[in-house]
Amino acid sequence: MAVTMSSQASFVTACEAPPSITSQPSSEPSQAAQPTPDTPRRPLYRPSKPLTYAVRSHIAVYLEGSMSKASELICRHTAADHEAFTFLTHLLNAGTDVSAPHRLFSASVPPPQYLAMAATLAVHPSLTTRTEDREKQNAANSALQYLRLVNKVVGPLHADLSTTFAFTESGSRTARRRRGRGVGRSESPGGTDVGGGAIKSRYADADSVFARGGDFWQVVGWAFNCSVLHPRRWERWSLWLDMVLEVLEADLAARMANVEEAAEKGGIPRAEDTIIQSLVVRYVEGAGQGRTAWRRMMRAVLADGSKKAVSEFREVWEGETREPRKTEEKKARAREVDIEGDKWGDYDLSDEEDEVVNGHESHLRVRSSRNSTRHQSDRSEGSGSEEGQNEDHAAKENSTAHLLGGLDSILLRQRVIALLSKVSELRPNALTHQGELFDVFTEFLRPLPLPTFSTFLTTSPLAPMTQASLCANLLLPLITTAPPSYNTLLLSQPDLERFFLPAPANGNSYVDNAKVSLLLQTIVMQMFASGKIVPTEAFGAAVEEGVRARREKAIGDARKRGKGREGEEKEARGVLEGSERMLMVVLEVVESG
């Protein structure tokens, strides 16, 4: 007998060993044997089935709502986009209450171009930070929630999210494939639509985040710039980036599971299941080849709102950081709505229509007199706001830029770094080896200010030994006792005792010696957690020798005196002393264990 699941959440979070995660969609419940207790746990995804022609056409009417002024007026009052995604959510949830791990009912999922439009609406400034219209904001929230649910219920493979989240230029081959996937196949109002037609909306085409963003790393860099410079805009980008990272992580995990399953059965995984086809690998390949590409990715991950970072990673939409117009100003400009008299009030022009699309004025129809007035208002408001922001940012640059936007921003940056590390570890095709990637990480992470450097160490989501290897790689340029060509991926306790633990920094500053101590503290803790350290006299002697050596070496950096950086050295001295105490505590734990 099928077990009735109590709620959507309980079903989504259930973990079992399903039949192949890439099995063909079916409208019938799939039959699978009950998993045994020792079966590896995997996310349980429902199979998917395409929307029927009639349903897809119905959804398209909502999403295309601007084909005429009259329809636009109606759709704005009925919150068309919000209704569309609410309806799609109901279709996705249908069958959840009668599904169980051994009896899965298919979920209805729209074509990739519908999901891609949802990804744009979820973050587009005209529906989020540049409007005070609650209905538009609800539409953006509904789109975001729907994408999260699709990823959790159906999974990235069944929903074809690798096509949905493909960054392309408008008109490119991949864009056409996404917009017109299935064109030419048999479609009829009474049958099942196995493909999908294009959506006649600028949010699905020229103004899509995937067309305007250029590539994933360009968007990542701009989003993290916002975390430092534009907190209000960051609130939205952080939600969007968190959702995309969930998709990337789930997509890679699903393909890894399929590869492992095929290996266990002695077969070869299908081409579409291989790791090289994962979305994150496509993003990496799209950045280019060689160390130059990896450096650009790291510049995006560590974008700090500086002039250099903003110059490289610009805003996705023109003027997206501008504040919404005040409600009072909108009311003052409001006009009488008279359809027969061709008077449309504020409904013939929305806040976003005066933006520049792909370097040209918007193709949307705008009354010339109204257009002129609003452009003048935008320029006066935008210039004053930008000048004020520039002054504020210049004054706060030294005190806030090093924070990289706060803890929530750092945690998202860490997830991107972890994904890159995983990809390099798997090394599909000819991507960079993990050791080479760690060299790039070291190049960018080592110069970070001490507070940010410390936060990166304590918030890393890397596996214990992976993090220990990265920390050892970070140590190499900071000390002089390590061998010139040491493979930190092969880090062992004897090497730790001989080369790393006894070493002070190669400079006299408290900052460098504090970084060395923090790195060693992290290495010891991670290796101990992995069972790679056992208590020996040599280990204890190396820890104590290193603590003494760094305490004697750290006398302060004369180059930082008189430059307003004395506080940095004073803070670093406290960090060094605290790390020394922690190392001695860890030593006691190791010796007692």
Protein backbone atom coordinates (compact mmCIF):
# COMPACT_ATOMS: atom_id res chain seq x y z
CA MET A 1 0.00 0.00 0.00
CA ALA A 2 1.28 3.47 -0.87
CA VAL A 3 2.22 5.66 2.03
CA THR A 4 0.57 9.07 1.93
CA MET A 5 3.00 11.89 2.40
CA SER A 6 1.76 14.57 4.79
CA SER A 7 3.10 17.64 3.01
CA GLN A 8 5.15 18.94 0.10
CA ALA A 9 8.05 19.72 2.43
CA SER A 10 8.10 16.24 3.93
CA PHE A 11 8.16 14.71 0.46
CA VAL A 12 10.87 17.01 -0.85
CA THR A 13 13.16 16.37 2.08
CA ALA A 14 12.72 12.62 2.00
CA CYS A 15 15.88 10.83 0.93
CA GLU A 16 15.94 7.34 -0.50
CA ALA A 17 17.59 5.49 -3.34
CA PRO A 18 15.26 6.12 -6.29
CA PRO A 19 15.29 4.41 -9.63
CA SER A 20 17.66 6.09 -12.08
CA ILE A 21 17.49 9.80 -11.56
CA THR A 22 17.43 10.31 -15.30
CA SER A 23 14.72 7.77 -16.06
CA GLN A 24 12.29 8.72 -18.78
CA PRO A 25 9.34 10.83 -17.59
CA SER A 26 6.14 8.92 -17.19
CA SER A 27 2.60 9.85 -16.28
CA GLU A 28 2.26 6.59 -14.38
CA PRO A 29 3.73 5.95 -10.94
CA SER A 30 7.12 4.30 -11.19
CA GLN A 31 7.54 0.90 -9.59
CA ALA A 32 10.74 0.27 -7.67
CA ALA A 33 11.84 -2.13 -4.99
CA GLN A 34 11.91 -0.91 -1.44
CA PRO A 35 15.43 0.31 -0.62
CA THR A 36 17.45 -1.67 1.87
CA PRO A 37 18.73 0.07 5.03
CA ASP A 38 22.30 0.27 3.73
CA THR A 39 21.33 1.82 0.38
CA PRO A 40 23.12 5.15 -0.24
CA ARG A 41 20.83 8.08 0.41
CA ARG A 42 20.02 10.33 -2.53
CA PRO A 43 17.48 13.10 -3.13
CA LEU A 44 14.19 11.60 -4.25
CA TYR A 45 12.95 13.36 -7.38
CA ARG A 46 9.61 12.84 -9.05
CA PRO A 47 9.59 12.13 -12.79
CA SER A 48 8.43 14.99 -14.99
CA LYS A 49 5.96 15.30 -17.83
CA PRO A 50 5.46 18.25 -20.21
CA LEU A 51 2.48 20.54 -20.03
CA THR A 52 -0.31 19.90 -22.49
CA TYR A 53 -0.71 22.28 -25.40
CA ALA A 54 -3.82 23.83 -23.87
CA VAL A 55 -2.22 24.41 -20.47
CA ARG A 56 0.96 25.80 -21.96
CA SER A 57 -1.03 28.20 -24.12
CA HIS A 58 -2.99 29.31 -21.09
CA ILE A 59 0.22 30.04 -19.16
CA ALA A 60 1.69 31.86 -22.15
CA VAL A 61 -1.25 34.28 -22.19
CA TYR A 62 -0.41 35.30 -18.63
CA LEU A 63 3.32 35.60 -19.24
CA GLU A 64 3.00 37.45 -22.54
CA GLY A 65 0.48 39.92 -21.06
CA SER A 66 1.75 43.01 -22.96
CA MET A 67 0.62 42.25 -26.50
CA SER A 68 -1.73 45.20 -26.40
CA LYS A 69 -2.35 48.15 -24.15
CA ALA A 70 -5.72 46.83 -23.13
CA SER A 71 -4.36 43.40 -22.21
CA GLU A 72 -1.45 45.01 -20.36
CA LEU A 73 -3.86 47.12 -18.32
CA ILE A 74 -5.91 44.07 -17.43
CA CYS A 75 -2.89 41.93 -16.62
CA ARG A 76 -1.42 44.54 -14.31
CA HIS A 77 -4.58 44.63 -12.29
CA THR A 78 -4.82 40.86 -12.09
CA ALA A 79 -1.13 40.27 -11.30
CA ALA A 80 -0.74 38.03 -14.35
CA ASP A 81 2.78 36.78 -13.65
CA HIS A 82 1.94 35.94 -10.05
CA GLU A 83 -1.15 34.04 -11.18
CA ALA A 84 0.89 32.15 -13.79
CA PHE A 85 3.43 30.84 -11.29
CA THR A 86 0.78 30.13 -8.69
CA PHE A 87 -0.99 27.97 -11.28
CA LEU A 88 2.27 26.26 -12.25
CA THR A 89 2.99 25.56 -8.57
CA HIS A 90 -0.40 23.86 -8.19
CA LEU A 91 0.35 21.70 -11.24
CA LEU A 92 3.77 20.78 -9.82
CA ASN A 93 2.30 19.85 -6.45
CA ALA A 94 -0.47 17.73 -7.93
CA GLY A 95 0.07 14.11 -6.94
CA THR A 96 2.39 14.86 -4.05
CA ASP A 97 -0.03 13.61 -1.43
CA VAL A 98 -0.32 10.20 -3.12
CA SER A 99 3.36 9.81 -4.03
CA ALA A 100 5.74 7.69 -1.99
CA PRO A 101 9.35 6.52 -2.44
CA HIS A 102 8.18 3.30 -4.16
CA ARG A 103 5.30 4.94 -6.07
CA LEU A 104 6.20 8.24 -7.74
CA PHE A 105 3.71 10.20 -9.79
CA SER A 106 4.98 12.48 -12.54
CA ALA A 107 4.91 16.24 -12.03
CA SER A 108 3.95 18.71 -14.75
CA VAL A 109 6.84 21.01 -15.71
CA PRO A 110 6.87 23.75 -18.38
CA PRO A 111 9.51 24.00 -21.14
CA PRO A 112 12.91 25.58 -20.34
CA GLN A 113 12.01 28.96 -21.82
CA TYR A 114 9.23 29.37 -19.24
CA LEU A 115 11.63 28.57 -16.42
CA ALA A 116 14.25 30.91 -17.88
CA MET A 117 11.72 33.72 -17.87
CA ALA A 118 10.96 32.92 -14.23
CA ALA A 119 14.66 33.26 -13.44
CA THR A 120 14.64 36.72 -15.01
CA LEU A 121 11.46 37.91 -13.31
CA ALA A 122 12.86 36.77 -9.96
CA VAL A 123 15.66 39.35 -10.06
CA HIS A 124 14.70 41.96 -12.67
CA PRO A 125 14.81 45.45 -11.11
CA SER A 126 11.46 46.46 -12.59
CA LEU A 127 9.72 43.79 -10.49
CA THR A 128 11.91 44.03 -7.41
CA THR A 129 14.02 47.00 -6.28
CA ARG A 130 12.84 49.65 -8.75
CA THR A 131 9.18 49.39 -7.91
CA GLU A 132 6.96 49.78 -4.90
CA ASP A 133 4.15 47.89 -6.62
CA ARG A 134 3.32 45.00 -4.33
CA GLU A 135 1.82 42.93 -7.18
CA LYS A 136 5.05 43.11 -9.19
CA GLN A 137 7.09 42.12 -6.15
CA ASN A 138 4.74 39.22 -5.51
CA ALA A 139 5.25 38.08 -9.09
CA ALA A 140 9.04 38.11 -8.63
CA ASN A 141 8.74 36.19 -5.36
CA SER A 142 6.40 33.64 -6.92
CA ALA A 143 8.83 33.07 -9.79
CA LEU A 144 11.73 32.54 -7.40
CA GLN A 145 9.78 30.18 -5.16
CA TYR A 146 8.60 28.18 -8.15
CA LEU A 147 12.14 27.66 -9.44
CA ARG A 148 13.28 26.46 -6.01
CA LEU A 149 10.37 24.02 -5.88
CA VAL A 150 11.07 22.66 -9.36
CA ASN A 151 14.67 21.98 -8.39
CA LYS A 152 13.63 20.20 -5.19
CA VAL A 153 10.62 18.23 -6.44
CA VAL A 154 11.61 17.26 -9.98
CA GLY A 155 15.33 17.89 -9.88
CA PRO A 156 17.65 19.62 -12.33
CA LEU A 157 17.85 16.73 -14.80
CA HIS A 158 14.16 15.99 -15.24
CA ALA A 159 13.41 19.72 -15.49
CA ASP A 160 16.26 20.28 -17.98
CA LEU A 161 17.62 23.16 -15.92
CA SER A 162 20.95 22.99 -17.74
CA THR A 163 19.11 24.39 -20.77
CA THR A 164 17.11 26.81 -18.66
CA PHE A 165 20.17 28.42 -17.05
CA ALA A 166 22.33 28.62 -20.17
CA PHE A 167 23.81 32.11 -20.54
CA THR A 168 23.62 33.21 -24.13
CA GLU A 169 23.48 36.28 -26.27
CA SER A 170 20.08 37.00 -27.76
CA GLY A 171 19.73 35.28 -31.11
CA SER A 172 22.47 32.71 -30.55
CA ARG A 173 22.00 29.03 -31.30
CA THR A 174 21.47 28.09 -27.65
CA ALA A 175 19.02 30.96 -27.14
CA ARG A 176 17.00 29.81 -30.13
CA ARG A 177 17.09 26.25 -28.85
CA ARG A 178 15.75 27.38 -25.48
CA ARG A 179 13.09 29.67 -26.94
CA GLY A 180 11.91 27.26 -29.59
CA ARG A 181 12.69 23.86 -28.17
CA GLY A 182 10.41 21.36 -29.83
CA VAL A 183 9.32 23.60 -32.70
CA GLY A 184 8.31 21.46 -35.61
CA ARG A 185 6.98 18.66 -33.47
CA SER A 186 3.37 17.71 -33.57
CA GLU A 187 1.24 19.95 -31.41
CA SER A 188 -2.50 19.93 -31.19
CA PRO A 189 -5.00 21.36 -28.73
CA GLY A 190 -6.21 17.88 -27.89
CA GLY A 191 -2.85 16.20 -27.52
CA THR A 192 0.29 16.46 -25.45
CA ASP A 193 2.77 19.17 -26.23
CA VAL A 194 6.19 17.57 -26.07
CA GLY A 195 8.04 20.72 -27.02
CA GLY A 196 7.35 24.36 -26.33
CA GLY A 197 6.94 27.62 -28.20
CA ALA A 198 8.62 30.95 -27.79
CA ILE A 199 7.26 33.46 -25.27
CA LYS A 200 6.60 36.89 -26.73
CA SER A 201 8.04 38.90 -23.89
CA ARG A 202 11.20 40.93 -23.59
CA TYR A 203 11.81 39.26 -20.24
CA ALA A 204 12.18 35.99 -22.14
CA ASP A 205 14.40 37.43 -24.84
CA ALA A 206 16.42 40.66 -25.10
CA ASP A 207 15.96 41.68 -21.46
CA SER A 208 16.54 38.23 -20.01
CA VAL A 209 19.21 37.91 -17.34
CA PHE A 210 20.81 35.25 -19.51
CA ALA A 211 21.04 37.58 -22.50
CA ARG A 212 21.98 40.73 -20.59
CA GLY A 213 24.38 39.03 -18.17
CA GLY A 214 26.88 37.87 -20.76
CA ASP A 215 28.01 34.84 -18.77
CA PHE A 216 27.61 33.44 -15.28
CA TRP A 217 30.82 34.98 -13.94
CA GLN A 218 29.86 38.44 -15.12
CA VAL A 219 26.62 38.18 -13.15
CA VAL A 220 28.39 36.71 -10.12
CA GLY A 221 30.89 39.57 -10.09
CA TRP A 222 28.17 42.19 -10.32
CA ALA A 223 26.08 40.51 -7.63
CA PHE A 224 29.00 40.51 -5.20
CA ASN A 225 29.79 44.12 -6.08
CA CYS A 226 26.24 44.87 -4.99
CA SER A 227 26.88 43.15 -1.65
CA VAL A 228 29.37 45.92 -0.87
CA LEU A 229 27.97 48.92 -2.76
CA HIS A 230 24.21 48.42 -3.05
CA PRO A 231 22.76 46.55 -0.04
CA ARG A 232 19.16 46.89 -1.24
CA ARG A 233 19.96 45.43 -4.62
CA TRP A 234 22.09 42.74 -2.96
CA GLU A 235 19.07 41.54 -1.03
CA ARG A 236 17.57 40.43 -4.32
CA TRP A 237 20.74 39.21 -5.99
CA SER A 238 21.62 37.12 -2.94
CA LEU A 239 18.30 35.26 -3.17
CA TRP A 240 18.78 34.69 -6.88
CA LEU A 241 22.38 33.55 -6.51
CA ASP A 242 21.45 31.19 -3.67
CA MET A 243 18.79 29.62 -5.91
CA VAL A 244 21.19 29.21 -8.84
CA LEU A 245 23.84 27.65 -6.59
CA GLU A 246 21.25 25.17 -5.35
CA VAL A 247 20.62 24.19 -8.97
CA LEU A 248 24.35 23.91 -9.74
CA GLU A 249 25.01 21.79 -6.66
CA ALA A 250 22.03 19.50 -7.29
CA ASP A 251 22.85 19.15 -10.99
CA LEU A 252 26.47 18.14 -10.31
CA ALA A 253 25.46 15.74 -7.51
CA ALA A 254 22.82 14.05 -9.70
CA ARG A 255 25.29 13.47 -12.55
CA MET A 256 27.95 12.18 -10.16
CA ALA A 257 25.39 9.73 -8.75
CA ASN A 258 24.51 8.50 -12.23
CA VAL A 259 28.17 8.04 -13.14
CA GLU A 260 28.78 6.08 -9.92
CA GLU A 261 25.67 3.97 -10.52
CA ALA A 262 26.80 3.11 -14.04
CA ALA A 263 30.28 2.21 -12.76
CA GLU A 264 28.81 -0.09 -10.10
CA LYS A 265 26.87 -1.91 -12.80
CA GLY A 266 29.95 -2.22 -14.98
CA GLY A 267 28.55 0.00 -17.71
CA ILE A 268 29.18 3.39 -19.23
CA PRO A 269 26.94 6.33 -18.28
CA ARG A 270 24.86 7.97 -20.95
CA ALA A 271 26.47 11.00 -22.55
CA GLU A 272 23.93 13.38 -21.01
CA ASP A 273 24.63 11.98 -17.55
CA THR A 274 28.36 12.62 -17.57
CA ILE A 275 29.92 15.29 -15.40
CA ILE A 276 31.19 17.17 -18.44
CA GLN A 277 27.55 17.98 -19.22
CA SER A 278 26.91 19.53 -15.80
CA LEU A 279 25.88 23.15 -15.71
CA VAL A 280 28.80 24.27 -13.55
CA VAL A 281 31.29 22.70 -15.97
CA ARG A 282 29.62 24.55 -18.82
CA TYR A 283 29.98 27.79 -16.88
CA VAL A 284 33.66 27.06 -16.29
CA GLU A 285 34.26 26.22 -19.94
CA GLY A 286 32.37 29.34 -20.98
CA ALA A 287 34.87 31.49 -19.08
CA GLY A 288 37.69 30.44 -21.41
CA GLN A 289 40.77 28.30 -21.01
CA GLY A 290 43.89 28.37 -18.91
CA ARG A 291 44.82 30.21 -15.75
CA THR A 292 43.57 33.51 -17.17
CA ALA A 293 40.01 32.17 -17.13
CA TRP A 294 40.34 30.84 -13.58
CA ARG A 295 41.67 34.19 -12.44
CA ARG A 296 38.66 35.93 -13.91
CA MET A 297 36.38 33.52 -12.07
CA MET A 298 38.15 34.28 -8.81
CA ARG A 299 37.97 38.02 -9.47
CA ALA A 300 34.21 37.57 -9.83
CA VAL A 301 33.99 35.52 -6.62
CA LEU A 302 35.98 38.14 -4.68
CA ALA A 303 34.50 41.26 -6.31
CA ASP A 304 34.63 43.90 -3.58
CA GLY A 305 32.93 46.96 -5.05
CA SER A 306 36.22 48.68 -5.85
CA LYS A 307 36.53 50.79 -8.99
CA LYS A 308 38.46 48.01 -10.67
CA ALA A 309 35.85 45.39 -9.79
CA VAL A 310 32.93 47.56 -10.90
CA SER A 311 34.74 48.37 -14.14
CA GLU A 312 35.10 44.67 -14.92
CA PHE A 313 31.77 43.44 -13.58
CA ARG A 314 29.17 46.03 -14.53
CA GLU A 315 25.47 46.13 -13.78
CA VAL A 316 23.32 43.67 -15.70
CA TRP A 317 20.50 46.10 -16.45
CA GLU A 318 21.00 49.77 -17.18
CA GLY A 319 20.24 51.83 -14.08
CA GLU A 320 19.19 48.81 -12.02
CA THR A 321 20.48 50.32 -8.77
CA ARG A 322 18.29 53.42 -8.96
CA GLU A 323 15.69 53.78 -6.27
CA PRO A 324 11.97 53.44 -7.11
CA ARG A 325 10.08 56.65 -7.69
CA LYS A 326 8.15 57.97 -4.75
CA THR A 327 4.48 57.11 -4.63
CA GLU A 328 3.60 60.81 -4.31
CA GLU A 329 5.42 61.63 -7.55
CA LYS A 330 3.59 58.85 -9.34
CA LYS A 331 0.26 60.16 -8.12
CA ALA A 332 1.13 63.69 -9.20
CA ARG A 333 1.81 62.46 -12.73
CA ALA A 334 -1.19 60.18 -12.88
CA ARG A 335 -3.65 60.75 -15.69
CA GLU A 336 -7.20 59.83 -16.37
CA VAL A 337 -7.63 56.40 -17.95
CA ASP A 338 -9.92 56.62 -20.98
CA ILE A 339 -9.48 53.71 -23.37
CA GLU A 340 -11.80 55.09 -26.04
CA GLY A 341 -10.06 58.45 -25.85
CA ASP A 342 -6.63 56.83 -26.03
CA LYS A 343 -5.72 58.14 -22.57
CA TRP A 344 -3.75 55.56 -20.67
CA GLY A 345 -2.49 57.48 -17.66
CA ASP A 346 0.51 55.73 -16.13
CA TYR A 347 -0.33 52.40 -17.75
CA ASP A 348 1.30 53.22 -21.09
CA LEU A 349 4.71 53.63 -19.47
CA SER A 350 6.31 51.66 -16.68
CA ASP A 351 9.40 52.51 -14.70
CA GLU A 352 11.56 50.12 -16.63
CA GLU A 353 10.57 51.25 -20.13
CA ASP A 354 12.95 54.20 -20.13
CA GLU A 355 15.93 51.93 -19.61
CA VAL A 356 18.40 51.20 -22.37
CA VAL A 357 18.13 47.69 -23.79
CA ASN A 358 21.30 46.32 -25.37
CA GLY A 359 22.63 49.83 -25.97
CA HIS A 360 19.47 51.10 -27.69
CA GLU A 361 16.32 52.77 -26.48
CA SER A 362 13.54 50.38 -25.51
CA HIS A 363 11.42 49.17 -28.39
CA LEU A 364 8.29 49.58 -26.31
CA ARG A 365 5.89 52.31 -27.34
CA VAL A 366 6.30 55.48 -25.28
CA ARG A 367 4.54 58.82 -25.62
CA SER A 368 7.14 61.39 -26.62
CA SER A 369 6.10 64.13 -24.22
CA ARG A 370 5.87 61.70 -21.31
CA ASN A 371 9.17 60.11 -22.31
CA SER A 372 11.00 63.44 -22.31
CA THR A 373 9.68 64.42 -18.91
CA ARG A 374 10.56 61.14 -17.29
CA HIS A 375 14.03 60.97 -18.80
CA GLN A 376 14.82 64.38 -17.37
CA SER A 377 13.53 63.26 -14.00
CA ASP A 378 15.60 60.08 -14.16
CA ARG A 379 18.79 61.95 -15.01
CA SER A 380 18.37 64.44 -12.19
CA GLU A 381 17.49 61.74 -9.68
CA GLY A 382 20.13 59.28 -10.89
CA SER A 383 23.01 61.74 -11.05
CA GLY A 384 22.38 63.11 -7.60
CA SER A 385 21.98 59.67 -6.14
CA GLU A 386 25.10 58.34 -7.84
CA GLU A 387 27.22 61.31 -6.77
CA GLY A 388 26.10 60.89 -3.19
CA GLN A 389 26.77 57.17 -3.31
CA ASN A 390 30.22 57.71 -4.80
CA GLU A 391 31.14 60.09 -2.00
CA ASP A 392 29.87 57.69 0.63
CA HIS A 393 31.69 54.74 -0.92
CA ALA A 394 34.95 56.69 -1.21
CA ALA A 395 34.77 57.56 2.48
CA LYS A 396 33.95 54.00 3.53
CA GLU A 397 36.09 52.09 1.05
CA ASN A 398 38.93 51.28 3.44
CA SER A 399 36.63 50.30 6.30
CA THR A 400 34.00 48.24 4.49
CA ALA A 401 35.38 46.88 1.23
CA HIS A 402 37.52 44.27 3.01
CA LEU A 403 34.39 42.82 4.60
CA LEU A 404 33.23 41.66 1.16
CA GLY A 405 29.63 42.49 1.88
CA GLY A 406 29.18 40.69 5.18
CA LEU A 407 28.85 37.09 6.29
CA ASP A 408 25.97 36.16 3.98
CA SER A 409 28.01 37.34 1.01
CA ILE A 410 31.08 35.40 2.16
CA LEU A 411 29.06 32.21 2.60
CA LEU A 412 27.80 32.45 -0.98
CA ARG A 413 31.33 33.13 -2.21
CA GLN A 414 32.47 30.04 -0.31
CA ARG A 415 29.89 27.90 -2.09
CA VAL A 416 31.17 29.03 -5.48
CA ILE A 417 34.74 28.24 -4.42
CA ALA A 418 33.63 24.81 -3.22
CA LEU A 419 31.96 24.11 -6.57
CA LEU A 420 35.11 25.08 -8.46
CA SER A 421 37.17 22.86 -6.17
CA LYS A 422 34.83 19.92 -6.74
CA VAL A 423 34.97 20.39 -10.51
CA SER A 424 38.77 20.51 -10.49
CA GLU A 425 38.87 17.40 -8.30
CA LEU A 426 36.67 15.48 -10.74
CA ARG A 427 38.67 16.97 -13.60
CA PRO A 428 36.28 16.30 -16.49
CA ASN A 429 37.76 16.71 -19.96
CA ALA A 430 40.83 18.99 -19.78
CA LEU A 431 39.89 21.30 -16.93
CA THR A 432 42.47 22.54 -14.46
CA HIS A 433 43.88 20.08 -11.95
CA GLN A 434 42.94 20.77 -8.33
CA GLY A 435 46.53 21.59 -7.41
CA GLU A 436 46.70 24.22 -10.13
CA LEU A 437 43.39 25.65 -9.01
CA PHE A 438 44.69 25.88 -5.43
CA ASP A 439 47.56 27.99 -6.76
CA VAL A 440 44.99 30.41 -8.18
CA PHE A 441 43.04 30.37 -4.90
CA THR A 442 46.26 31.17 -3.04
CA GLU A 443 47.00 34.08 -5.34
CA PHE A 444 43.67 35.70 -4.45
CA LEU A 445 43.00 34.59 -0.86
CA ARG A 446 46.43 35.18 0.71
CA PRO A 447 46.38 39.02 0.33
CA LEU A 448 42.93 39.36 1.95
CA PRO A 449 42.76 41.52 5.09
CA LEU A 450 43.20 39.45 8.22
CA PRO A 451 39.56 39.62 9.44
CA THR A 452 38.26 38.46 6.05
CA PHE A 453 41.04 35.89 5.74
CA SER A 454 40.09 34.45 9.14
CA THR A 455 36.41 34.36 8.21
CA PHE A 456 37.17 32.48 5.00
CA LEU A 457 39.03 29.83 6.99
CA THR A 458 36.28 29.33 9.56
CA THR A 459 33.36 29.26 7.09
CA SER A 460 34.80 26.97 4.42
CA PRO A 461 32.40 24.21 3.25
CA LEU A 462 35.26 22.15 1.79
CA ALA A 463 35.82 18.59 2.93
CA PRO A 464 38.31 18.42 5.84
CA MET A 465 41.31 17.10 3.92
CA THR A 466 40.55 19.32 0.93
CA GLN A 467 40.55 22.34 3.21
CA ALA A 468 43.76 21.16 4.88
CA SER A 469 45.46 20.86 1.48
CA LEU A 470 44.30 24.33 0.47
CA CYS A 471 45.57 25.80 3.75
CA ALA A 472 48.94 24.12 3.20
CA ASN A 473 49.03 25.67 -0.27
CA LEU A 474 48.30 29.07 1.29
CA LEU A 475 51.22 28.52 3.67
CA LEU A 476 53.83 27.95 0.95
CA PRO A 477 54.40 31.63 0.06
CA LEU A 478 54.21 32.69 3.72
CA ILE A 479 57.03 30.52 5.09
CA THR A 480 60.57 29.64 4.02
CA THR A 481 60.90 26.11 5.41
CA ALA A 482 58.63 24.34 2.92
CA PRO A 483 60.20 22.50 -0.04
CA PRO A 484 60.08 24.49 -3.29
CA SER A 485 57.85 22.02 -5.15
CA TYR A 486 55.61 20.40 -2.58
CA ASN A 487 52.30 18.76 -3.56
CA THR A 488 49.94 19.86 -0.83
CA LEU A 489 47.33 17.34 -2.00
CA LEU A 490 49.63 14.69 -0.48
CA LEU A 491 49.90 16.44 2.89
CA SER A 492 50.85 14.03 5.70
CA GLN A 493 51.63 14.24 9.41
CA PRO A 494 55.42 13.77 8.96
CA ASP A 495 55.53 16.60 6.41
CA LEU A 496 53.36 18.74 8.68
CA GLU A 497 55.77 18.17 11.58
CA ARG A 498 58.89 18.77 9.48
CA PHE A 499 58.00 21.66 7.16
CA PHE A 500 54.95 23.53 8.44
CA LEU A 501 54.27 23.37 12.18
CA PRO A 502 57.66 24.73 13.36
CA ALA A 503 57.71 27.57 10.81
CA PRO A 504 57.23 31.29 11.45
CA ALA A 505 56.20 33.66 8.68
CA ASN A 506 58.91 34.90 6.34
CA GLY A 507 58.15 38.46 7.48
CA ASN A 508 58.15 40.31 10.81
CA SER A 509 54.55 41.57 10.69
CA TYR A 510 51.93 40.36 13.12
CA VAL A 511 49.53 40.01 10.19
CA ASP A 512 51.67 37.44 8.35
CA ASN A 513 52.49 35.49 11.49
CA ALA A 514 48.82 35.49 12.51
CA LYS A 515 47.85 34.14 9.09
CA VAL A 516 50.44 31.37 9.42
CA SER A 517 49.14 30.46 12.86
CA LEU A 518 45.50 30.45 11.70
CA LEU A 519 46.36 28.25 8.73
CA LEU A 520 48.22 25.75 10.90
CA GLN A 521 45.40 25.75 13.42
CA THR A 522 42.91 24.94 10.64
CA ILE A 523 45.14 22.23 9.14
CA VAL A 524 45.61 20.46 12.47
CA MET A 525 41.90 20.59 13.30
CA GLN A 526 40.83 19.30 9.87
CA MET A 527 43.42 16.52 9.74
CA PHE A 528 42.55 15.46 13.29
CA ALA A 529 38.86 15.38 12.36
CA SER A 530 39.77 13.13 9.41
CA GLY A 531 41.83 10.76 11.56
CA LYS A 532 45.06 11.81 9.84
CA ILE A 533 46.89 12.87 13.03
CA VAL A 534 48.02 10.64 15.86
CA PRO A 535 49.75 11.79 19.08
CA THR A 536 53.54 11.63 18.87
CA GLU A 537 56.41 13.40 20.59
CA ALA A 538 57.49 14.89 17.28
CA PHE A 539 54.05 16.38 16.74
CA GLY A 540 53.92 18.02 20.17
CA ALA A 541 57.46 19.36 19.84
CA ALA A 542 56.70 20.82 16.39
CA VAL A 543 53.59 22.64 17.64
CA GLU A 544 55.44 24.16 20.62
CA GLU A 545 58.47 25.11 18.52
CA GLY A 546 56.27 26.89 15.98
CA VAL A 547 54.40 28.86 18.63
CA ARG A 548 57.71 30.11 20.07
CA ALA A 549 59.17 30.91 16.63
CA ARG A 550 56.22 33.01 15.52
CA ARG A 551 56.06 34.83 18.84
CA GLU A 552 59.73 35.80 18.46
CA LYS A 553 59.47 36.63 14.76
CA ALA A 554 56.43 38.90 15.09
CA ILE A 555 57.89 42.26 16.14
CA GLY A 556 55.76 44.43 13.90
CA ASP A 557 56.17 45.66 10.34
CA ALA A 558 57.98 48.99 10.20
CA ARG A 559 56.54 49.63 6.74
CA LYS A 560 53.06 49.91 8.25
CA ARG A 561 53.98 52.54 10.80
CA GLY A 562 52.90 56.08 10.17
CA LYS A 563 50.43 55.03 7.46
CA GLY A 564 47.36 54.69 9.63
CA ARG A 565 47.78 50.91 9.77
CA GLU A 566 48.97 50.55 13.35
CA GLY A 567 45.50 49.35 14.30
CA GLU A 568 45.79 46.50 11.82
CA GLU A 569 48.99 45.26 13.43
CA LYS A 570 47.52 45.64 16.91
CA GLU A 571 44.48 43.61 15.90
CA ALA A 572 46.72 40.99 14.28
CA ARG A 573 48.72 40.65 17.50
CA GLY A 574 45.54 39.73 19.36
CA VAL A 575 44.60 37.22 16.64
CA LEU A 576 48.07 35.65 16.84
CA GLU A 577 47.87 35.26 20.60
CA GLY A 578 44.40 33.75 20.39
CA SER A 579 45.48 31.30 17.69
CA GLU A 580 48.50 30.26 19.75
CA ARG A 581 46.23 29.40 22.66
CA MET A 582 43.92 27.45 20.36
CA LEU A 583 46.83 25.46 18.92
CA MET A 584 47.89 24.45 22.42
CA VAL A 585 44.32 23.41 23.22
CA VAL A 586 44.19 21.30 20.04
CA LEU A 587 47.53 19.75 21.02
CA GLU A 588 46.07 18.73 24.38
CA VAL A 589 43.06 17.19 22.62
CA VAL A 590 45.30 15.25 20.23
CA GLU A 591 47.52 13.98 23.02
CA SER A 592 44.56 12.96 25.16
CA GLY A 593 42.80 11.25 22.28
